[in-house]
Amino acid sequence: VRGGKWERAKFMGSQLQSKTLGIIGLGQVGSHVAKVAREMGMRLVAYDPYVNAAKAAALDCQVLPVDELLRQSDFVTLHVPLIPDTKNLINATSLRLMKPNARIVNCSRGGVIDEKALCEALKEGRLAGAALDVFEEEKAMPTDHVLLSTPNLIVTPHLGASTHEAQVNVAIDVAQQIRETLVGNLPQSAVNIPGI
């Protein structure tokens, strides 16, 4: 519009209502995403080896193996830590399971998605789109970096918690969890304790 153009057809989107959202990681952020997506009328499927069945059911999430989640989902969102089990969890093999009109978002940790395989899937039209806020290497990229020339890929510089309020909330949360641990309680947001 600022360039004097009115190209509405160029920006045709995809409705979320009645689509399937695959949530990989049902921790604090993944659970919040589930609540918002449910209110938007999305069907929810989830993969999280640490979540208990009651928590998933309370969120109206059908728990599936990751491969089946990828097959069924129209949109996939990642909310997991980078640990040996999640390194390249989304790779060339798993991307081939996804629908060609599916989209994937990674706001968790770089290295969970194999970036080279993602770029190949997008360039070959085997995936409709992707958005990355985290990367294997988080630093300024040269202008000829493959991620910057890949079609249908949105990239942002790890902005997930870049608000004043989020920074304050993280500091408060960390302090509260340290206090709880020191008085003998379990932390509320542990990423490596099953069932929390």
N, C-alpha and C. Protein backbone atom coordinates (compact mmCIF):
# COMPACT_ATOMS: atom_id res chain seq x y z
N VAL A 1 0.83 -1.18 0.00
CA VAL A 1 0.00 0.00 0.00
C VAL A 1 0.88 1.25 0.00
N ARG A 2 1.95 1.24 0.81
CA ARG A 2 2.85 2.41 0.84
C ARG A 2 3.50 2.64 -0.52
N GLY A 3 3.63 1.59 -1.32
CA GLY A 3 4.21 1.71 -2.65
C GLY A 3 3.19 2.07 -3.71
N GLY A 4 1.97 2.41 -3.28
CA GLY A 4 0.93 2.79 -4.23
C GLY A 4 0.25 1.62 -4.90
N LYS A 5 0.35 0.43 -4.30
CA LYS A 5 -0.26 -0.77 -4.89
C LYS A 5 -1.40 -1.28 -4.02
N TRP A 6 -2.32 -2.01 -4.64
CA TRP A 6 -3.44 -2.62 -3.93
C TRP A 6 -3.56 -4.04 -4.44
N GLU A 7 -2.67 -4.95 -3.93
CA GLU A 7 -2.55 -6.31 -4.45
C GLU A 7 -3.14 -7.33 -3.47
N ARG A 8 -4.44 -7.28 -3.30
CA ARG A 8 -5.09 -8.17 -2.34
C ARG A 8 -4.94 -9.64 -2.70
N ALA A 9 -5.09 -10.00 -3.94
CA ALA A 9 -5.03 -11.41 -4.35
C ALA A 9 -3.67 -12.04 -4.05
N LYS A 10 -2.64 -11.23 -4.05
CA LYS A 10 -1.28 -11.71 -3.79
C LYS A 10 -1.13 -12.22 -2.35
N PHE A 11 -2.02 -11.76 -1.46
CA PHE A 11 -1.90 -12.08 -0.04
C PHE A 11 -3.03 -12.97 0.45
N MET A 12 -3.52 -13.86 -0.39
CA MET A 12 -4.59 -14.79 0.01
C MET A 12 -4.06 -15.71 1.10
N GLY A 13 -4.82 -15.83 2.18
CA GLY A 13 -4.39 -16.63 3.32
C GLY A 13 -5.15 -17.94 3.45
N SER A 14 -5.08 -18.51 4.62
CA SER A 14 -5.75 -19.77 4.93
C SER A 14 -6.45 -19.62 6.27
N GLN A 15 -7.72 -19.90 6.31
CA GLN A 15 -8.51 -19.79 7.54
C GLN A 15 -8.07 -20.84 8.56
N LEU A 16 -8.09 -20.45 9.83
CA LEU A 16 -7.70 -21.38 10.90
C LEU A 16 -8.86 -22.23 11.39
N GLN A 17 -10.06 -21.68 11.40
CA GLN A 17 -11.22 -22.41 11.89
C GLN A 17 -11.39 -23.72 11.14
N SER A 18 -11.64 -24.78 11.88
CA SER A 18 -11.84 -26.14 11.37
C SER A 18 -10.57 -26.80 10.85
N LYS A 19 -9.44 -26.14 10.96
CA LYS A 19 -8.17 -26.75 10.56
C LYS A 19 -7.58 -27.49 11.76
N THR A 20 -6.65 -28.37 11.49
CA THR A 20 -5.99 -29.14 12.55
C THR A 20 -4.65 -28.49 12.89
N LEU A 21 -4.47 -28.19 14.17
CA LEU A 21 -3.22 -27.64 14.68
C LEU A 21 -2.49 -28.74 15.43
N GLY A 22 -1.27 -29.03 15.01
CA GLY A 22 -0.41 -29.97 15.70
C GLY A 22 0.52 -29.20 16.62
N ILE A 23 0.45 -29.50 17.91
CA ILE A 23 1.27 -28.81 18.90
C ILE A 23 2.31 -29.80 19.41
N ILE A 24 3.56 -29.50 19.15
CA ILE A 24 4.65 -30.35 19.63
C ILE A 24 5.23 -29.67 20.86
N GLY A 25 4.88 -30.23 22.03
CA GLY A 25 5.28 -29.66 23.31
C GLY A 25 4.11 -28.97 23.98
N LEU A 26 3.55 -29.60 25.02
CA LEU A 26 2.40 -29.04 25.73
C LEU A 26 2.79 -28.48 27.10
N GLY A 27 3.93 -27.82 27.15
CA GLY A 27 4.34 -27.15 28.39
C GLY A 27 3.53 -25.87 28.55
N GLN A 28 4.10 -24.91 29.23
CA GLN A 28 3.40 -23.67 29.52
C GLN A 28 2.97 -22.93 28.24
N VAL A 29 3.89 -22.76 27.31
CA VAL A 29 3.57 -22.02 26.08
C VAL A 29 2.67 -22.86 25.18
N GLY A 30 3.00 -24.12 24.97
CA GLY A 30 2.18 -24.98 24.12
C GLY A 30 0.75 -25.10 24.63
N SER A 31 0.59 -25.15 25.95
CA SER A 31 -0.75 -25.22 26.54
C SER A 31 -1.53 -23.93 26.29
N HIS A 32 -0.86 -22.81 26.39
CA HIS A 32 -1.53 -21.53 26.11
C HIS A 32 -1.95 -21.45 24.64
N VAL A 33 -1.07 -21.88 23.76
CA VAL A 33 -1.40 -21.91 22.33
C VAL A 33 -2.62 -22.79 22.09
N ALA A 34 -2.69 -23.93 22.77
CA ALA A 34 -3.84 -24.84 22.63
C ALA A 34 -5.13 -24.14 23.03
N LYS A 35 -5.11 -23.42 24.14
CA LYS A 35 -6.32 -22.72 24.60
C LYS A 35 -6.79 -21.68 23.58
N VAL A 36 -5.86 -20.90 23.06
CA VAL A 36 -6.21 -19.87 22.08
C VAL A 36 -6.71 -20.50 20.79
N ALA A 37 -6.02 -21.54 20.31
CA ALA A 37 -6.41 -22.20 19.06
C ALA A 37 -7.78 -22.87 19.18
N ARG A 38 -8.05 -23.46 20.34
CA ARG A 38 -9.36 -24.08 20.56
C ARG A 38 -10.47 -23.04 20.42
N GLU A 39 -10.25 -21.85 20.97
CA GLU A 39 -11.25 -20.78 20.89
C GLU A 39 -11.41 -20.28 19.45
N MET A 40 -10.43 -20.53 18.62
CA MET A 40 -10.52 -20.14 17.20
C MET A 40 -11.19 -21.24 16.37
N GLY A 41 -11.60 -22.31 17.02
CA GLY A 41 -12.31 -23.38 16.32
C GLY A 41 -11.41 -24.39 15.66
N MET A 42 -10.18 -24.51 16.12
CA MET A 42 -9.26 -25.48 15.55
C MET A 42 -9.38 -26.83 16.25
N ARG A 43 -9.12 -27.89 15.50
CA ARG A 43 -8.99 -29.24 16.07
C ARG A 43 -7.55 -29.36 16.56
N LEU A 44 -7.36 -29.89 17.75
CA LEU A 44 -6.02 -29.92 18.36
C LEU A 44 -5.50 -31.35 18.48
N VAL A 45 -4.28 -31.55 17.99
CA VAL A 45 -3.55 -32.79 18.21
C VAL A 45 -2.20 -32.39 18.81
N ALA A 46 -1.65 -33.27 19.61
CA ALA A 46 -0.42 -32.92 20.31
C ALA A 46 0.52 -34.10 20.44
N TYR A 47 1.81 -33.75 20.53
CA TYR A 47 2.85 -34.74 20.85
C TYR A 47 3.69 -34.15 21.97
N ASP A 48 3.81 -34.89 23.05
CA ASP A 48 4.67 -34.49 24.16
C ASP A 48 4.89 -35.73 25.02
N PRO A 49 6.09 -36.29 25.01
CA PRO A 49 6.33 -37.51 25.78
C PRO A 49 6.28 -37.31 27.28
N TYR A 50 6.27 -36.07 27.75
CA TYR A 50 6.27 -35.80 29.19
C TYR A 50 4.90 -35.42 29.74
N VAL A 51 3.93 -35.14 28.88
CA VAL A 51 2.64 -34.68 29.36
C VAL A 51 1.77 -35.87 29.77
N ASN A 52 0.97 -35.68 30.81
CA ASN A 52 0.08 -36.77 31.20
C ASN A 52 -1.24 -36.64 30.44
N ALA A 53 -1.94 -37.75 30.34
CA ALA A 53 -3.17 -37.81 29.54
C ALA A 53 -4.24 -36.86 30.05
N ALA A 54 -4.32 -36.66 31.35
CA ALA A 54 -5.34 -35.77 31.92
C ALA A 54 -5.12 -34.33 31.47
N LYS A 55 -3.88 -33.89 31.45
CA LYS A 55 -3.59 -32.52 31.02
C LYS A 55 -3.97 -32.34 29.55
N ALA A 56 -3.59 -33.28 28.71
CA ALA A 56 -3.93 -33.20 27.29
C ALA A 56 -5.44 -33.18 27.09
N ALA A 57 -6.15 -34.02 27.81
CA ALA A 57 -7.61 -34.09 27.69
C ALA A 57 -8.25 -32.78 28.14
N ALA A 58 -7.71 -32.17 29.19
CA ALA A 58 -8.24 -30.89 29.68
C ALA A 58 -8.09 -29.78 28.64
N LEU A 59 -7.12 -29.93 27.78
CA LEU A 59 -6.89 -28.95 26.72
C LEU A 59 -7.60 -29.33 25.42
N ASP A 60 -8.37 -30.42 25.43
CA ASP A 60 -9.04 -30.94 24.23
C ASP A 60 -8.04 -31.33 23.15
N CYS A 61 -6.89 -31.82 23.56
CA CYS A 61 -5.85 -32.26 22.61
C CYS A 61 -5.85 -33.78 22.51
N GLN A 62 -5.87 -34.27 21.30
CA GLN A 62 -5.70 -35.70 21.07
C GLN A 62 -4.20 -35.95 20.98
N VAL A 63 -3.68 -36.81 21.84
CA VAL A 63 -2.24 -37.09 21.84
C VAL A 63 -1.95 -38.13 20.76
N LEU A 64 -0.96 -37.84 19.93
CA LEU A 64 -0.57 -38.71 18.82
C LEU A 64 0.94 -38.88 18.80
N PRO A 65 1.42 -39.94 18.17
CA PRO A 65 2.86 -40.01 17.88
C PRO A 65 3.21 -38.86 16.92
N VAL A 66 4.44 -38.40 16.98
CA VAL A 66 4.82 -37.22 16.19
C VAL A 66 4.59 -37.43 14.69
N ASP A 67 4.86 -38.62 14.16
CA ASP A 67 4.67 -38.86 12.73
C ASP A 67 3.20 -38.71 12.33
N GLU A 68 2.30 -39.22 13.16
CA GLU A 68 0.87 -39.11 12.85
C GLU A 68 0.40 -37.66 12.99
N LEU A 69 0.93 -36.95 13.98
CA LEU A 69 0.61 -35.53 14.13
C LEU A 69 0.98 -34.78 12.85
N LEU A 70 2.15 -35.04 12.32
CA LEU A 70 2.60 -34.35 11.10
C LEU A 70 1.71 -34.69 9.91
N ARG A 71 1.27 -35.93 9.81
CA ARG A 71 0.39 -36.33 8.70
C ARG A 71 -0.96 -35.62 8.76
N GLN A 72 -1.51 -35.45 9.95
CA GLN A 72 -2.86 -34.92 10.11
C GLN A 72 -2.92 -33.39 10.13
N SER A 73 -1.86 -32.73 10.49
CA SER A 73 -1.91 -31.29 10.78
C SER A 73 -1.89 -30.40 9.55
N ASP A 74 -2.68 -29.33 9.63
CA ASP A 74 -2.64 -28.27 8.63
C ASP A 74 -1.61 -27.22 9.04
N PHE A 75 -1.46 -27.07 10.35
CA PHE A 75 -0.47 -26.16 10.94
C PHE A 75 0.23 -26.92 12.05
N VAL A 76 1.54 -26.71 12.19
CA VAL A 76 2.32 -27.33 13.26
C VAL A 76 3.07 -26.22 13.97
N THR A 77 3.03 -26.25 15.30
CA THR A 77 3.75 -25.27 16.10
C THR A 77 4.62 -26.02 17.11
N LEU A 78 5.86 -25.57 17.26
CA LEU A 78 6.84 -26.26 18.10
C LEU A 78 7.10 -25.47 19.38
N HIS A 79 7.05 -26.18 20.52
CA HIS A 79 7.27 -25.56 21.83
C HIS A 79 8.03 -26.53 22.71
N VAL A 80 9.25 -26.86 22.32
CA VAL A 80 10.07 -27.85 23.02
C VAL A 80 11.47 -27.29 23.25
N PRO A 81 12.16 -27.81 24.26
CA PRO A 81 13.56 -27.42 24.45
C PRO A 81 14.44 -28.15 23.44
N LEU A 82 15.63 -27.65 23.23
CA LEU A 82 16.60 -28.36 22.39
C LEU A 82 17.38 -29.31 23.29
N ILE A 83 17.06 -30.58 23.20
CA ILE A 83 17.74 -31.65 23.93
C ILE A 83 18.07 -32.73 22.90
N PRO A 84 18.86 -33.73 23.24
CA PRO A 84 19.20 -34.74 22.23
C PRO A 84 17.98 -35.35 21.53
N ASP A 85 16.87 -35.56 22.26
CA ASP A 85 15.68 -36.16 21.65
C ASP A 85 14.96 -35.23 20.67
N THR A 86 15.18 -33.92 20.79
CA THR A 86 14.48 -32.98 19.90
C THR A 86 15.39 -32.40 18.82
N LYS A 87 16.67 -32.68 18.86
CA LYS A 87 17.58 -32.19 17.82
C LYS A 87 17.13 -32.73 16.47
N ASN A 88 16.85 -31.83 15.50
CA ASN A 88 16.37 -32.20 14.17
C ASN A 88 15.14 -33.12 14.24
N LEU A 89 14.29 -32.88 15.22
CA LEU A 89 13.03 -33.63 15.33
C LEU A 89 12.25 -33.50 14.02
N ILE A 90 12.28 -32.30 13.46
CA ILE A 90 11.67 -32.06 12.15
C ILE A 90 12.81 -32.07 11.14
N ASN A 91 12.85 -33.12 10.33
CA ASN A 91 13.95 -33.31 9.39
C ASN A 91 13.39 -33.67 8.01
N ALA A 92 14.25 -34.04 7.08
CA ALA A 92 13.80 -34.35 5.72
C ALA A 92 12.74 -35.45 5.72
N THR A 93 12.94 -36.47 6.51
CA THR A 93 11.98 -37.59 6.56
C THR A 93 10.64 -37.14 7.12
N SER A 94 10.66 -36.44 8.24
CA SER A 94 9.39 -36.03 8.85
C SER A 94 8.67 -34.97 8.01
N LEU A 95 9.41 -34.09 7.34
CA LEU A 95 8.77 -33.08 6.48
C LEU A 95 8.02 -33.73 5.32
N ARG A 96 8.48 -34.89 4.87
CA ARG A 96 7.80 -35.59 3.78
C ARG A 96 6.43 -36.15 4.22
N LEU A 97 6.21 -36.24 5.52
CA LEU A 97 4.94 -36.73 6.03
C LEU A 97 3.85 -35.65 6.00
N MET A 98 4.26 -34.40 5.92
CA MET A 98 3.32 -33.29 6.03
C MET A 98 2.57 -33.05 4.73
N LYS A 99 1.38 -32.50 4.86
CA LYS A 99 0.57 -32.13 3.70
C LYS A 99 1.27 -31.01 2.94
N PRO A 100 1.14 -30.98 1.62
CA PRO A 100 1.80 -29.91 0.87
C PRO A 100 1.21 -28.52 1.15
N ASN A 101 0.01 -28.46 1.71
CA ASN A 101 -0.57 -27.16 2.05
C ASN A 101 -0.40 -26.82 3.54
N ALA A 102 0.43 -27.58 4.24
CA ALA A 102 0.66 -27.35 5.67
C ALA A 102 1.69 -26.25 5.88
N ARG A 103 1.64 -25.70 7.08
CA ARG A 103 2.58 -24.66 7.49
C ARG A 103 3.14 -25.03 8.86
N ILE A 104 4.39 -24.61 9.12
CA ILE A 104 5.05 -24.95 10.39
C ILE A 104 5.67 -23.69 10.98
N VAL A 105 5.59 -23.58 12.32
CA VAL A 105 6.14 -22.43 13.04
C VAL A 105 7.05 -22.95 14.15
N ASN A 106 8.26 -22.39 14.22
CA ASN A 106 9.17 -22.75 15.30
C ASN A 106 9.55 -21.49 16.08
N CYS A 107 8.99 -21.39 17.28
CA CYS A 107 9.35 -20.33 18.22
C CYS A 107 9.96 -20.92 19.48
N SER A 108 10.44 -22.17 19.39
CA SER A 108 10.98 -22.81 20.59
C SER A 108 12.49 -22.66 20.65
N ARG A 109 13.21 -23.51 19.94
CA ARG A 109 14.67 -23.48 19.93
C ARG A 109 15.18 -23.82 18.55
N GLY A 110 16.25 -23.14 18.14
CA GLY A 110 16.91 -23.49 16.90
C GLY A 110 17.49 -24.88 17.03
N GLY A 111 17.57 -25.59 15.92
CA GLY A 111 18.09 -26.96 15.95
C GLY A 111 17.00 -28.01 16.07
N VAL A 112 15.78 -27.61 16.42
CA VAL A 112 14.67 -28.57 16.47
C VAL A 112 14.21 -28.90 15.05
N ILE A 113 14.34 -27.92 14.16
CA ILE A 113 14.05 -28.14 12.74
C ILE A 113 15.37 -28.15 11.98
N ASP A 114 15.56 -29.12 11.12
CA ASP A 114 16.70 -29.16 10.21
C ASP A 114 16.46 -28.07 9.16
N GLU A 115 17.17 -26.96 9.27
CA GLU A 115 16.92 -25.80 8.41
C GLU A 115 17.13 -26.10 6.93
N LYS A 116 18.15 -26.86 6.62
CA LYS A 116 18.41 -27.20 5.21
C LYS A 116 17.24 -28.00 4.63
N ALA A 117 16.76 -28.99 5.37
CA ALA A 117 15.64 -29.81 4.91
C ALA A 117 14.38 -28.98 4.77
N LEU A 118 14.17 -28.03 5.70
CA LEU A 118 13.00 -27.15 5.61
C LEU A 118 13.05 -26.30 4.35
N CYS A 119 14.20 -25.73 4.06
CA CYS A 119 14.36 -24.90 2.86
C CYS A 119 14.10 -25.72 1.60
N GLU A 120 14.60 -26.94 1.56
CA GLU A 120 14.37 -27.80 0.40
C GLU A 120 12.89 -28.10 0.22
N ALA A 121 12.18 -28.41 1.32
CA ALA A 121 10.75 -28.71 1.24
C ALA A 121 9.97 -27.50 0.73
N LEU A 122 10.33 -26.31 1.19
CA LEU A 122 9.64 -25.10 0.74
C LEU A 122 9.95 -24.81 -0.73
N LYS A 123 11.21 -24.93 -1.12
CA LYS A 123 11.59 -24.65 -2.51
C LYS A 123 10.94 -25.64 -3.49
N GLU A 124 10.76 -26.87 -3.04
CA GLU A 124 10.17 -27.91 -3.90
C GLU A 124 8.64 -27.90 -3.84
N GLY A 125 8.04 -27.02 -3.05
CA GLY A 125 6.59 -26.93 -2.95
C GLY A 125 5.95 -28.06 -2.17
N ARG A 126 6.74 -28.75 -1.33
CA ARG A 126 6.19 -29.84 -0.52
C ARG A 126 5.61 -29.33 0.80
N LEU A 127 5.72 -28.05 1.04
CA LEU A 127 5.22 -27.41 2.25
C LEU A 127 4.79 -25.99 1.85
N ALA A 128 3.64 -25.54 2.35
CA ALA A 128 3.10 -24.25 1.93
C ALA A 128 3.83 -23.07 2.55
N GLY A 129 4.31 -23.21 3.78
CA GLY A 129 4.96 -22.08 4.41
C GLY A 129 5.56 -22.44 5.75
N ALA A 130 6.40 -21.55 6.24
CA ALA A 130 7.04 -21.73 7.54
C ALA A 130 7.40 -20.38 8.11
N ALA A 131 7.52 -20.35 9.43
CA ALA A 131 7.99 -19.15 10.13
C ALA A 131 8.97 -19.60 11.20
N LEU A 132 10.12 -18.96 11.24
CA LEU A 132 11.16 -19.29 12.22
C LEU A 132 11.51 -18.04 13.01
N ASP A 133 11.46 -18.16 14.33
CA ASP A 133 11.92 -17.09 15.21
C ASP A 133 13.22 -17.49 15.90
N VAL A 134 13.63 -18.74 15.69
CA VAL A 134 14.84 -19.29 16.31
C VAL A 134 15.62 -20.06 15.24
N PHE A 135 16.94 -20.13 15.43
CA PHE A 135 17.81 -20.69 14.40
C PHE A 135 18.92 -21.51 15.03
N GLU A 136 19.52 -22.37 14.20
CA GLU A 136 20.65 -23.17 14.67
C GLU A 136 21.78 -22.26 15.15
N GLU A 137 22.04 -21.19 14.39
CA GLU A 137 23.01 -20.18 14.78
C GLU A 137 22.28 -18.85 14.85
N GLU A 138 22.24 -18.26 16.04
CA GLU A 138 21.51 -17.02 16.21
C GLU A 138 22.48 -15.84 16.18
N LYS A 139 22.59 -15.29 14.99
CA LYS A 139 23.42 -14.12 14.76
C LYS A 139 22.98 -13.51 13.43
N ALA A 140 23.47 -12.34 13.13
CA ALA A 140 23.13 -11.70 11.86
C ALA A 140 23.55 -12.62 10.72
N MET A 141 22.68 -12.77 9.73
CA MET A 141 22.94 -13.66 8.61
C MET A 141 23.46 -12.87 7.42
N PRO A 142 24.40 -13.46 6.66
CA PRO A 142 24.81 -12.78 5.42
C PRO A 142 23.62 -12.70 4.46
N THR A 143 23.60 -11.69 3.62
CA THR A 143 22.45 -11.47 2.74
C THR A 143 22.22 -12.63 1.77
N ASP A 144 23.23 -13.47 1.53
CA ASP A 144 23.05 -14.61 0.63
C ASP A 144 22.72 -15.92 1.39
N HIS A 145 22.40 -15.83 2.68
CA HIS A 145 22.06 -17.01 3.47
C HIS A 145 20.83 -17.68 2.87
N VAL A 146 20.82 -19.00 2.81
CA VAL A 146 19.74 -19.77 2.19
C VAL A 146 18.39 -19.47 2.82
N LEU A 147 18.34 -19.23 4.12
CA LEU A 147 17.06 -18.93 4.77
C LEU A 147 16.44 -17.64 4.25
N LEU A 148 17.28 -16.70 3.86
CA LEU A 148 16.77 -15.40 3.41
C LEU A 148 16.24 -15.43 1.98
N SER A 149 16.58 -16.45 1.23
CA SER A 149 16.11 -16.54 -0.16
C SER A 149 15.07 -17.65 -0.36
N THR A 150 14.69 -18.31 0.70
CA THR A 150 13.72 -19.40 0.60
C THR A 150 12.31 -18.83 0.50
N PRO A 151 11.54 -19.29 -0.49
CA PRO A 151 10.16 -18.77 -0.63
C PRO A 151 9.25 -19.25 0.50
N ASN A 152 8.25 -18.43 0.81
CA ASN A 152 7.23 -18.78 1.80
C ASN A 152 7.80 -19.05 3.20
N LEU A 153 8.88 -18.36 3.52
CA LEU A 153 9.51 -18.50 4.83
C LEU A 153 9.63 -17.12 5.47
N ILE A 154 9.04 -16.98 6.66
CA ILE A 154 9.16 -15.75 7.44
C ILE A 154 10.22 -15.99 8.49
N VAL A 155 11.17 -15.06 8.62
CA VAL A 155 12.22 -15.18 9.62
C VAL A 155 12.24 -13.91 10.47
N THR A 156 12.35 -14.11 11.80
CA THR A 156 12.45 -12.99 12.73
C THR A 156 13.58 -13.31 13.72
N PRO A 157 14.22 -12.28 14.31
CA PRO A 157 15.41 -12.50 15.15
C PRO A 157 15.11 -12.84 16.62
N HIS A 158 14.51 -14.00 16.87
CA HIS A 158 14.21 -14.51 18.21
C HIS A 158 13.53 -13.44 19.08
N LEU A 159 12.35 -13.06 18.63
CA LEU A 159 11.58 -12.01 19.29
C LEU A 159 10.52 -12.55 20.25
N GLY A 160 10.45 -13.87 20.44
CA GLY A 160 9.38 -14.50 21.20
C GLY A 160 9.05 -13.86 22.54
N ALA A 161 10.03 -13.39 23.26
CA ALA A 161 9.77 -12.78 24.57
C ALA A 161 10.27 -11.34 24.60
N SER A 162 10.24 -10.68 23.46
CA SER A 162 10.79 -9.33 23.37
C SER A 162 9.74 -8.25 23.63
N THR A 163 9.20 -8.29 24.84
CA THR A 163 8.37 -7.19 25.33
C THR A 163 8.86 -6.87 26.72
N HIS A 164 8.62 -5.66 27.16
CA HIS A 164 9.02 -5.28 28.51
C HIS A 164 8.33 -6.16 29.54
N GLU A 165 7.03 -6.41 29.31
CA GLU A 165 6.27 -7.22 30.25
C GLU A 165 6.78 -8.65 30.32
N ALA A 166 7.13 -9.23 29.18
CA ALA A 166 7.64 -10.60 29.17
C ALA A 166 8.95 -10.71 29.93
N GLN A 167 9.82 -9.74 29.79
CA GLN A 167 11.10 -9.78 30.49
C GLN A 167 10.90 -9.73 32.00
N VAL A 168 9.99 -8.88 32.46
CA VAL A 168 9.69 -8.80 33.89
C VAL A 168 9.07 -10.12 34.36
N ASN A 169 8.12 -10.66 33.59
CA ASN A 169 7.46 -11.91 33.98
C ASN A 169 8.43 -13.08 34.05
N VAL A 170 9.39 -13.15 33.13
CA VAL A 170 10.39 -14.22 33.17
C VAL A 170 11.23 -14.11 34.44
N ALA A 171 11.65 -12.90 34.78
CA ALA A 171 12.46 -12.72 35.99
C ALA A 171 11.68 -13.13 37.24
N ILE A 172 10.41 -12.74 37.30
CA ILE A 172 9.56 -13.12 38.44
C ILE A 172 9.38 -14.63 38.49
N ASP A 173 9.10 -15.25 37.35
CA ASP A 173 8.89 -16.69 37.29
C ASP A 173 10.13 -17.45 37.75
N VAL A 174 11.29 -17.04 37.27
CA VAL A 174 12.54 -17.71 37.66
C VAL A 174 12.75 -17.58 39.18
N ALA A 175 12.54 -16.40 39.70
CA ALA A 175 12.73 -16.19 41.15
C ALA A 175 11.75 -17.06 41.95
N GLN A 176 10.50 -17.12 41.52
CA GLN A 176 9.51 -17.94 42.23
C GLN A 176 9.86 -19.42 42.18
N GLN A 177 10.34 -19.88 41.03
CA GLN A 177 10.68 -21.30 40.91
C GLN A 177 11.92 -21.65 41.73
N ILE A 178 12.88 -20.75 41.80
CA ILE A 178 14.06 -20.98 42.65
C ILE A 178 13.61 -21.07 44.11
N ARG A 179 12.75 -20.15 44.53
CA ARG A 179 12.24 -20.17 45.90
C ARG A 179 11.52 -21.50 46.18
N GLU A 180 10.63 -21.92 45.27
CA GLU A 180 9.89 -23.17 45.47
C GLU A 180 10.83 -24.36 45.59
N THR A 181 11.86 -24.39 44.76
CA THR A 181 12.82 -25.49 44.80
C THR A 181 13.60 -25.48 46.12
N LEU A 182 14.00 -24.31 46.58
CA LEU A 182 14.77 -24.20 47.82
C LEU A 182 13.95 -24.60 49.05
N VAL A 183 12.64 -24.45 49.00
CA VAL A 183 11.81 -24.87 50.14
C VAL A 183 11.32 -26.31 50.00
N GLY A 184 11.82 -27.02 48.97
CA GLY A 184 11.54 -28.44 48.83
C GLY A 184 10.42 -28.82 47.90
N ASN A 185 9.86 -27.88 47.18
CA ASN A 185 8.79 -28.18 46.22
C ASN A 185 9.36 -28.40 44.82
N LEU A 186 8.55 -28.99 43.95
CA LEU A 186 8.96 -29.16 42.55
C LEU A 186 8.72 -27.86 41.79
N PRO A 187 9.60 -27.53 40.85
CA PRO A 187 9.36 -26.34 40.02
C PRO A 187 8.14 -26.56 39.13
N GLN A 188 7.42 -25.51 38.81
CA GLN A 188 6.19 -25.61 38.02
C GLN A 188 6.43 -25.80 36.54
N SER A 189 7.55 -25.36 36.00
CA SER A 189 7.76 -25.38 34.55
C SER A 189 8.97 -26.19 34.14
N ALA A 190 9.29 -27.24 34.85
CA ALA A 190 10.43 -28.05 34.51
C ALA A 190 10.22 -28.72 33.16
N VAL A 191 11.25 -28.73 32.33
CA VAL A 191 11.11 -29.33 31.00
C VAL A 191 11.54 -30.79 30.96
N ASN A 192 12.09 -31.27 32.05
CA ASN A 192 12.59 -32.65 32.04
C ASN A 192 12.04 -33.52 33.16
N ILE A 193 10.87 -33.15 33.68
CA ILE A 193 10.25 -33.97 34.72
C ILE A 193 8.88 -34.41 34.19
N PRO A 194 8.70 -35.70 33.91
CA PRO A 194 7.42 -36.18 33.37
C PRO A 194 6.25 -35.85 34.29
N GLY A 195 5.12 -35.53 33.66
CA GLY A 195 3.89 -35.37 34.39
C GLY A 195 3.63 -34.00 34.98
N ILE A 196 4.54 -33.05 34.80
CA ILE A 196 4.31 -31.70 35.35
C ILE A 196 3.60 -30.86 34.33
